Amino acid sequence: MATKYINNDIECGIDYDYKQVKKLFKKLGCPEDLFDPFPALLSACRWILDLSERSVGKTTQWLLVGMCMHWIYGTVIQYVRQFEEMIMPKASSDLFATILKYDYVAKLTDGEYNTIIYKSRRWYLAYIDTETMEITRTCPDHFMFSCSIDKQLQLKSSYNAPTGDLIIFDEFIGKITPVNEFVEFCDLCKTIQRERQSVRFILLANTIDKHHVYFNELCIYEQIQMLHVGEHLQLRSPLGTQIYVEFLGLTGERKKRRSIINTLYYGFKNPRLAAITGDDEWSMGCYQHIPKRGENETDPQCISRQLYLLYNSRYVRLDIMQHPKLGVVIYAHWATQTYDDSIILTCDQRYDPRYQYQLGNKVVSRLIKYMYTTNRVYYASNDVGNFIDSYLKRCKSA
């Protein structure tokens, strides 16, 4: 099949016929209850975000899509993780375990290859003799390259991937997100992409933090707050970049099996298990709420309403209160405005003397750390608590 190019210009990249890719993908016989990546691919969106709990099969499905693209067009998957240690052999040796278990390589190549081998961050199709267990042939061209954001500068001047049109950033919501990571990821993508219009950025998340900084960086934070399991959004950034976001959930037999596992092992009334059982749409802790006033109890006295926290363009006010029984505590609420005498904590750029970086000066920082470590912070809602936790993780990443 002759390769077509966008605008008939090889510099613009391959004009993929994703219907043809889907036809080959269907030949593999993947379970019907796994999610379908092709609605996103067939859209005009170059950024695709798939969010879900674990065990939905996101990574495997996208790797198979990339392998089909390689078999038809010679596409080389660019598999991205945050840190170099995450792509080392000891960390990524099981990446293709499911694909090998179900013999997808042989199905894809009509038996020409039946396994996958790894050499120097490159992944190759190969054939292993099942009697001698020896590799008898290896495809000369690799179908996937592994790289990490923290080493993107080393690739910038030397790396060339003319068909690296599927960039998969796996587990982009990590425990730690360095302050400038989004820009560095875009820099890495630009190194791979050059001037091609054929590239798709695939971002996959197994941990669902609705306040993660990437949503703000992509200008979709407010829309994400309203997204529910089973829904997808097709969004456009203020400057016109199209983004496809899908919140995946288990369906069919997988959902039934999950229900059985939950009953056998995790059937406890503990909201903190929601991220494990899948009963909660977003990973949301259970936080202590602002206490109600008891009978014959005096109202708590406000010591200060000056302290605010700014994150993802949203404000939380941290009221310092003198509670009649609990002593000095903090009440955390959503806020919509600040004042001339406000103290505003932020990880963003500071152009106003009211703003202080991260946890602020020594006095403010000590106060917050003491209140937080002694469990003296009370929240208007679990969402406020989750928001503050996300901010504190951001501070640790800086």
Protein backbone atom coordinates (compact mmCIF):
# COMPACT_ATOMS: atom_id res chain seq x y z
CA MET A 1 0.00 0.00 0.00
CA ALA A 2 1.46 3.34 -1.07
CA THR A 3 1.94 5.73 1.84
CA LYS A 4 -0.01 8.97 1.61
CA TYR A 5 1.17 12.15 3.28
CA ILE A 6 -0.74 15.09 4.71
CA ASN A 7 -1.03 17.80 2.04
CA ASN A 8 1.03 15.46 -0.17
CA ASP A 9 4.07 16.68 1.77
CA ILE A 10 6.34 14.15 3.48
CA GLU A 11 7.41 16.85 5.97
CA CYS A 12 3.81 17.06 7.22
CA GLY A 13 3.79 13.35 8.10
CA ILE A 14 1.80 10.27 7.20
CA ASP A 15 -1.90 10.66 6.41
CA TYR A 16 -3.06 7.68 8.48
CA ASP A 17 -6.13 5.72 7.49
CA TYR A 18 -7.24 4.85 11.00
CA LYS A 19 -10.13 2.79 9.65
CA GLN A 20 -7.51 0.50 8.11
CA VAL A 21 -5.63 0.41 11.43
CA LYS A 22 -8.87 -0.44 13.22
CA LYS A 23 -9.54 -3.28 10.78
CA LEU A 24 -6.19 -4.86 11.63
CA PHE A 25 -6.75 -4.19 15.33
CA LYS A 26 -10.09 -6.04 15.22
CA LYS A 27 -8.28 -9.04 13.73
CA LEU A 28 -6.43 -9.48 17.03
CA GLY A 29 -9.65 -10.49 18.80
CA CYS A 30 -9.31 -8.35 21.93
CA PRO A 31 -12.11 -8.79 24.48
CA GLU A 32 -15.18 -6.72 23.63
CA ASP A 33 -15.43 -5.28 27.16
CA LEU A 34 -12.11 -3.41 26.81
CA PHE A 35 -12.31 0.25 25.90
CA ASP A 36 -12.18 1.34 22.27
CA PRO A 37 -9.36 3.82 21.49
CA PHE A 38 -10.53 4.53 17.95
CA PRO A 39 -13.22 7.19 18.55
CA ALA A 40 -10.45 9.38 19.92
CA LEU A 41 -8.07 8.51 17.06
CA LEU A 42 -10.72 9.22 14.44
CA SER A 43 -11.39 12.65 15.94
CA ALA A 44 -9.38 15.71 14.96
CA CYS A 45 -7.78 15.84 18.42
CA ARG A 46 -4.00 15.60 18.71
CA TRP A 47 -4.06 15.37 22.51
CA ILE A 48 -5.87 12.32 23.90
CA LEU A 49 -6.25 11.76 27.67
CA ASP A 50 -7.55 8.44 29.02
CA LEU A 51 -8.28 8.48 32.75
CA SER A 52 -9.35 5.52 34.83
CA GLU A 53 -8.61 3.23 37.72
CA ARG A 54 -6.19 0.37 37.10
CA SER A 55 -7.05 -2.87 35.26
CA VAL A 56 -9.03 -1.21 32.47
CA GLY A 57 -6.43 -2.13 29.85
CA LYS A 58 -5.52 1.37 28.62
CA THR A 59 -1.80 0.82 28.12
CA THR A 60 -2.18 -2.57 26.43
CA GLN A 61 -4.86 -1.28 24.06
CA TRP A 62 -2.77 1.70 23.01
CA LEU A 63 0.36 -0.42 22.58
CA LEU A 64 -1.63 -2.72 20.29
CA VAL A 65 -2.87 0.27 18.30
CA GLY A 66 0.72 1.42 17.90
CA MET A 67 1.85 -2.05 16.85
CA CYS A 68 -0.87 -2.14 14.18
CA MET A 69 0.28 1.28 12.97
CA HIS A 70 3.84 -0.06 12.83
CA TRP A 71 2.82 -3.15 10.86
CA ILE A 72 0.99 -1.08 8.24
CA TYR A 73 2.97 2.17 8.16
CA GLY A 74 6.25 1.55 10.00
CA THR A 75 5.23 3.82 12.88
CA VAL A 76 7.53 3.71 15.90
CA ILE A 77 5.73 4.08 19.24
CA GLN A 78 7.39 6.59 21.58
CA TYR A 79 6.78 5.26 25.11
CA VAL A 80 7.32 8.00 27.70
CA ARG A 81 7.58 7.91 31.49
CA GLN A 82 8.47 10.65 33.95
CA PHE A 83 11.85 9.38 35.12
CA GLU A 84 14.59 7.26 33.59
CA GLU A 85 14.35 4.60 36.30
CA MET A 86 10.77 3.90 35.15
CA ILE A 87 11.91 2.74 31.70
CA MET A 88 14.80 0.59 32.90
CA PRO A 89 14.45 -3.17 32.16
CA LYS A 90 13.64 -4.07 35.78
CA ALA A 91 10.70 -1.63 35.75
CA SER A 92 9.33 -2.27 32.26
CA SER A 93 10.03 -5.98 31.69
CA ASP A 94 6.33 -6.88 32.08
CA LEU A 95 5.02 -4.09 29.84
CA PHE A 96 4.03 -6.53 27.08
CA ALA A 97 3.05 -9.41 29.36
CA THR A 98 -0.64 -9.33 28.38
CA ILE A 99 0.18 -8.96 24.69
CA LEU A 100 2.43 -12.03 24.83
CA LYS A 101 0.01 -13.99 27.00
CA TYR A 102 -2.75 -13.75 24.38
CA ASP A 103 -0.42 -14.33 21.44
CA TYR A 104 -1.26 -10.98 19.84
CA VAL A 105 2.15 -10.74 18.15
CA ALA A 106 1.56 -13.91 16.10
CA LYS A 107 -1.98 -12.78 15.26
CA LEU A 108 -0.74 -9.37 14.15
CA THR A 109 2.08 -10.72 11.96
CA ASP A 110 0.37 -13.90 10.71
CA GLY A 111 2.94 -16.00 12.56
CA GLU A 112 6.03 -14.27 11.20
CA TYR A 113 6.89 -13.19 14.76
CA ASN A 114 5.63 -14.45 18.10
CA THR A 115 7.50 -12.56 20.81
CA ILE A 116 9.07 -9.21 21.73
CA ILE A 117 12.63 -8.48 22.78
CA TYR A 118 14.26 -5.39 24.26
CA LYS A 119 17.64 -3.89 23.36
CA SER A 120 18.94 -0.48 24.34
CA ARG A 121 15.53 1.14 24.95
CA ARG A 122 14.21 -0.28 21.69
CA TRP A 123 11.60 -2.98 21.38
CA TYR A 124 11.63 -5.46 18.47
CA LEU A 125 9.32 -8.13 17.12
CA ALA A 126 11.03 -11.52 17.09
CA TYR A 127 10.40 -15.23 16.58
CA ILE A 128 11.21 -17.75 19.28
CA ASP A 129 11.43 -21.47 18.56
CA THR A 130 9.07 -23.01 21.10
CA GLU A 131 11.12 -26.24 21.24
CA THR A 132 14.62 -24.82 21.70
CA MET A 133 13.40 -21.52 23.22
CA GLU A 134 15.94 -19.69 21.07
CA ILE A 135 15.33 -16.50 19.10
CA THR A 136 15.68 -17.51 15.45
CA ARG A 137 14.89 -14.16 13.82
CA THR A 138 14.37 -10.56 14.82
CA CYS A 139 12.72 -7.76 12.88
CA PRO A 140 15.49 -5.34 11.85
CA ASP A 141 13.39 -2.28 12.71
CA HIS A 142 12.22 -1.57 16.25
CA PHE A 143 8.53 -0.81 16.75
CA MET A 144 8.90 1.13 20.03
CA PHE A 145 11.39 3.43 21.71
CA SER A 146 11.35 4.16 25.46
CA CYS A 147 12.36 7.54 26.84
CA SER A 148 11.86 9.71 29.92
CA ILE A 149 11.04 13.36 30.45
CA ASP A 150 13.87 13.93 32.91
CA LYS A 151 16.38 13.03 30.17
CA GLN A 152 14.72 14.94 27.33
CA LEU A 153 17.64 17.36 26.97
CA GLN A 154 19.94 14.47 26.06
CA LEU A 155 17.65 13.57 23.13
CA LYS A 156 17.06 17.10 21.94
CA SER A 157 20.03 17.48 19.62
CA SER A 158 20.58 13.90 18.49
CA TYR A 159 17.31 11.93 18.42
CA ASN A 160 15.42 11.49 15.18
CA ALA A 161 12.09 9.65 14.88
CA PRO A 162 10.59 10.39 11.43
CA THR A 163 7.70 7.97 12.05
CA GLY A 164 7.37 8.46 15.82
CA ASP A 165 3.72 9.42 15.44
CA LEU A 166 2.24 7.81 18.56
CA ILE A 167 3.64 9.29 21.77
CA ILE A 168 2.30 7.42 24.81
CA PHE A 169 2.92 9.12 28.15
CA ASP A 170 2.06 6.36 30.61
CA GLU A 171 0.98 7.18 34.18
CA PHE A 172 1.28 10.91 33.68
CA ILE A 173 -0.38 11.53 37.06
CA GLY A 174 2.47 10.35 39.27
CA LYS A 175 3.20 10.64 42.96
CA ILE A 176 5.58 13.48 42.12
CA THR A 177 5.19 16.02 39.33
CA PRO A 178 8.21 18.31 38.94
CA VAL A 179 7.28 21.97 38.60
CA ASN A 180 8.31 22.37 34.96
CA GLU A 181 7.41 18.86 33.80
CA PHE A 182 4.59 19.84 31.44
CA VAL A 183 6.86 22.20 29.50
CA GLU A 184 9.61 19.58 29.42
CA PHE A 185 7.14 16.98 28.15
CA CYS A 186 6.09 19.35 25.36
CA ASP A 187 9.77 19.94 24.61
CA LEU A 188 10.30 16.17 24.33
CA CYS A 189 7.26 15.86 22.07
CA LYS A 190 8.59 18.63 19.84
CA THR A 191 11.95 16.82 19.59
CA ILE A 192 10.14 13.69 18.41
CA GLN A 193 7.55 15.46 16.27
CA ARG A 194 9.67 18.05 14.45
CA GLU A 195 7.21 19.66 11.97
CA ARG A 196 4.86 16.70 11.42
CA GLN A 197 1.10 17.11 11.78
CA SER A 198 0.53 13.36 12.04
CA VAL A 199 1.54 12.89 15.69
CA ARG A 200 -0.88 11.95 18.47
CA PHE A 201 -0.06 12.60 22.16
CA ILE A 202 -1.65 9.88 24.34
CA LEU A 203 -1.67 10.59 28.09
CA LEU A 204 -2.74 7.73 30.36
CA ALA A 205 -3.52 7.97 34.08
CA ASN A 206 -4.12 5.18 36.58
CA THR A 207 -4.46 7.53 39.55
CA ILE A 208 -7.37 9.92 39.29
CA ASP A 209 -6.57 13.30 40.85
CA LYS A 210 -9.08 15.83 39.55
CA HIS A 211 -6.91 18.70 40.77
CA HIS A 212 -3.72 17.58 39.03
CA VAL A 213 -1.67 20.40 37.56
CA TYR A 214 -1.74 18.94 34.02
CA PHE A 215 -5.45 19.72 33.72
CA ASN A 216 -4.71 23.35 34.43
CA GLU A 217 -1.73 23.36 32.05
CA LEU A 218 -4.00 22.03 29.29
CA CYS A 219 -6.64 24.68 30.08
CA ILE A 220 -9.31 22.04 30.82
CA TYR A 221 -9.39 22.17 34.62
CA GLU A 222 -12.96 23.45 35.00
CA GLN A 223 -14.36 20.93 32.50
CA ILE A 224 -12.56 18.05 34.22
CA GLN A 225 -14.34 18.85 37.49
CA MET A 226 -17.64 17.92 35.81
CA LEU A 227 -16.45 14.73 34.09
CA HIS A 228 -17.93 11.39 35.22
CA VAL A 229 -17.10 7.73 34.58
CA GLY A 230 -18.19 6.62 31.12
CA GLU A 231 -18.14 10.14 29.70
CA HIS A 232 -15.81 11.84 27.26
CA LEU A 233 -15.23 15.45 26.29
CA GLN A 234 -13.87 16.97 23.12
CA LEU A 235 -12.42 20.32 24.13
CA ARG A 236 -10.59 23.19 22.51
CA SER A 237 -7.93 25.27 24.25
CA PRO A 238 -8.13 29.08 24.10
CA LEU A 239 -5.57 29.00 21.26
CA GLY A 240 -7.33 26.26 19.31
CA THR A 241 -5.64 22.98 20.28
CA GLN A 242 -8.20 20.14 20.36
CA ILE A 243 -8.15 17.71 23.28
CA TYR A 244 -10.07 14.45 23.72
CA VAL A 245 -10.61 13.40 27.35
CA GLU A 246 -12.26 10.15 28.38
CA PHE A 247 -13.00 8.85 31.89
CA LEU A 248 -13.00 5.09 31.48
CA GLY A 249 -14.76 2.55 33.68
CA LEU A 250 -15.09 -1.21 33.75
CA THR A 251 -17.88 -2.75 31.69
CA GLY A 252 -19.31 -6.20 30.97
CA GLU A 253 -17.57 -9.23 32.47
CA ARG A 254 -14.73 -7.15 33.89
CA LYS A 255 -17.19 -5.13 35.94
CA LYS A 256 -18.81 -8.32 37.23
CA ARG A 257 -15.42 -9.78 38.19
CA ARG A 258 -14.50 -6.57 40.01
CA SER A 259 -17.74 -6.77 42.00
CA ILE A 260 -16.93 -10.35 43.03
CA ILE A 261 -13.40 -9.37 44.11
CA ASN A 262 -14.72 -6.42 46.12
CA THR A 263 -17.20 -8.68 47.93
CA LEU A 264 -14.59 -11.36 48.65
CA TYR A 265 -11.82 -9.06 49.86
CA TYR A 266 -12.77 -5.38 50.28
CA GLY A 267 -16.37 -5.26 51.50
CA PHE A 268 -15.80 -2.72 54.26
CA LYS A 269 -17.44 0.62 54.98
CA ASN A 270 -14.27 2.62 54.53
CA PRO A 271 -14.37 5.53 52.08
CA ARG A 272 -10.57 5.41 51.77
CA LEU A 273 -10.91 2.08 49.92
CA ALA A 274 -12.92 3.70 47.13
CA ALA A 275 -9.88 4.09 44.88
CA ILE A 276 -9.24 0.34 45.21
CA THR A 277 -12.82 -0.87 44.82
CA GLY A 278 -13.71 1.60 42.08
CA ASP A 279 -16.81 2.77 43.96
CA ASP A 280 -15.72 6.39 43.80
CA GLU A 281 -15.32 8.14 40.46
CA TRP A 282 -12.34 10.23 41.55
CA SER A 283 -9.65 9.29 44.06
CA MET A 284 -10.95 11.30 46.98
CA GLY A 285 -9.95 10.90 50.61
CA CYS A 286 -12.35 11.26 53.50
CA TYR A 287 -11.41 14.45 55.36
CA GLN A 288 -12.53 15.76 58.72
CA HIS A 289 -15.21 18.37 58.15
CA ILE A 290 -15.65 21.67 59.92
CA PRO A 291 -17.26 20.72 63.26
CA LYS A 292 -20.80 21.71 64.00
CA ARG A 293 -21.48 23.79 67.07
CA GLY A 294 -22.64 21.68 70.00
CA GLU A 295 -25.39 22.55 72.46
CA ASN A 296 -24.41 25.05 75.15
CA GLU A 297 -21.17 25.64 73.27
CA THR A 298 -19.84 29.06 72.38
CA ASP A 299 -19.04 29.90 68.77
CA PRO A 300 -15.43 29.52 67.67
CA GLN A 301 -13.64 32.85 67.42
CA CYS A 302 -11.87 33.85 64.23
CA ILE A 303 -8.24 34.85 64.78
CA SER A 304 -7.46 35.61 61.11
CA ARG A 305 -9.07 35.40 57.68
CA GLN A 306 -6.02 36.68 55.81
CA LEU A 307 -4.49 33.38 54.65
CA TYR A 308 -5.31 31.99 51.20
CA LEU A 309 -4.02 29.28 48.93
CA LEU A 310 -4.00 29.67 45.12
CA TYR A 311 -3.71 26.56 42.94
CA ASN A 312 -5.00 25.75 39.46
CA SER A 313 -6.55 29.23 39.34
CA ARG A 314 -8.76 28.46 42.36
CA TYR A 315 -8.62 29.91 45.86
CA VAL A 316 -9.06 28.28 49.26
CA ARG A 317 -9.27 30.46 52.36
CA LEU A 318 -7.58 29.12 55.48
CA ASP A 319 -9.35 30.66 58.46
CA ILE A 320 -7.37 30.46 61.71
CA MET A 321 -9.91 29.80 64.44
CA GLN A 322 -9.97 29.53 68.24
CA HIS A 323 -12.34 26.62 68.93
CA PRO A 324 -13.75 26.38 72.50
CA LYS A 325 -12.74 22.70 72.80
CA LEU A 326 -10.21 22.01 70.04
CA GLY A 327 -8.03 25.06 70.53
CA VAL A 328 -6.41 26.78 67.55
CA VAL A 329 -7.46 25.12 64.28
CA ILE A 330 -7.80 25.95 60.58
CA TYR A 331 -11.09 25.97 58.70
CA ALA A 332 -10.57 25.53 54.93
CA HIS A 333 -13.22 26.84 52.49
CA TRP A 334 -13.45 27.63 48.81
CA ALA A 335 -13.02 31.35 48.17
CA THR A 336 -13.84 33.61 45.24
CA GLN A 337 -11.95 36.79 46.12
CA THR A 338 -8.97 38.09 48.07
CA TYR A 339 -8.23 41.45 49.69
CA ASP A 340 -5.46 44.01 49.97
CA ASP A 341 -4.22 42.55 53.26
CA SER A 342 -4.45 38.89 52.15
CA ILE A 343 -1.50 36.48 52.32
CA ILE A 344 -1.73 34.16 49.32
CA LEU A 345 0.32 30.98 49.04
CA THR A 346 1.08 29.76 45.53
CA CYS A 347 3.44 27.70 43.39
CA ASP A 348 2.82 30.01 40.45
CA GLN A 349 4.68 33.13 39.39
CA ARG A 350 4.59 36.01 41.88
CA TYR A 351 4.04 39.58 40.71
CA ASP A 352 2.26 40.87 43.81
CA PRO A 353 3.75 41.29 47.33
CA ARG A 354 0.70 39.55 48.83
CA TYR A 355 1.80 36.28 47.24
CA GLN A 356 4.24 33.95 49.00
CA TYR A 357 5.84 30.90 47.42
CA GLN A 358 4.67 27.39 48.39
CA LEU A 359 4.07 27.43 52.17
CA GLY A 360 5.21 31.02 52.66
CA ASN A 361 7.68 32.60 55.04
CA LYS A 362 8.96 30.87 58.19
CA VAL A 363 6.07 31.98 60.38
CA VAL A 364 3.35 30.91 57.95
CA SER A 365 5.15 27.70 56.96
CA ARG A 366 5.60 26.60 60.57
CA LEU A 367 1.95 27.31 61.31
CA ILE A 368 0.68 25.28 58.36
CA LYS A 369 3.04 22.36 58.97
CA TYR A 370 2.07 22.24 62.65
CA MET A 371 -1.65 22.38 61.90
CA TYR A 372 -1.37 19.76 59.18
CA THR A 373 0.83 17.27 61.08
CA THR A 374 -1.29 17.54 64.24
CA ASN A 375 -4.53 17.09 62.28
CA ARG A 376 -5.90 20.52 63.18
CA VAL A 377 -7.18 21.34 59.69
CA TYR A 378 -10.94 21.03 59.07
CA TYR A 379 -12.47 21.16 55.61
CA ALA A 380 -15.73 22.46 54.18
CA SER A 381 -15.85 19.36 51.93
CA ASN A 382 -13.78 16.37 50.84
CA ASP A 383 -13.11 18.19 47.58
CA VAL A 384 -11.42 21.03 49.47
CA GLY A 385 -9.31 18.50 51.36
CA ASN A 386 -8.31 16.74 48.15
CA PHE A 387 -7.45 20.11 46.59
CA ILE A 388 -5.14 21.06 49.48
CA ASP A 389 -3.46 17.63 49.46
CA SER A 390 -2.81 18.05 45.75
CA TYR A 391 -1.26 21.46 46.41
CA LEU A 392 1.01 20.06 49.13
CA LYS A 393 2.19 17.31 46.77
CA ARG A 394 2.94 20.03 44.25
CA CYS A 395 5.05 21.84 46.84
CA LYS A 396 7.04 18.67 47.57
CA SER A 397 7.73 18.23 43.86
CA ALA A 398 9.30 21.67 43.52
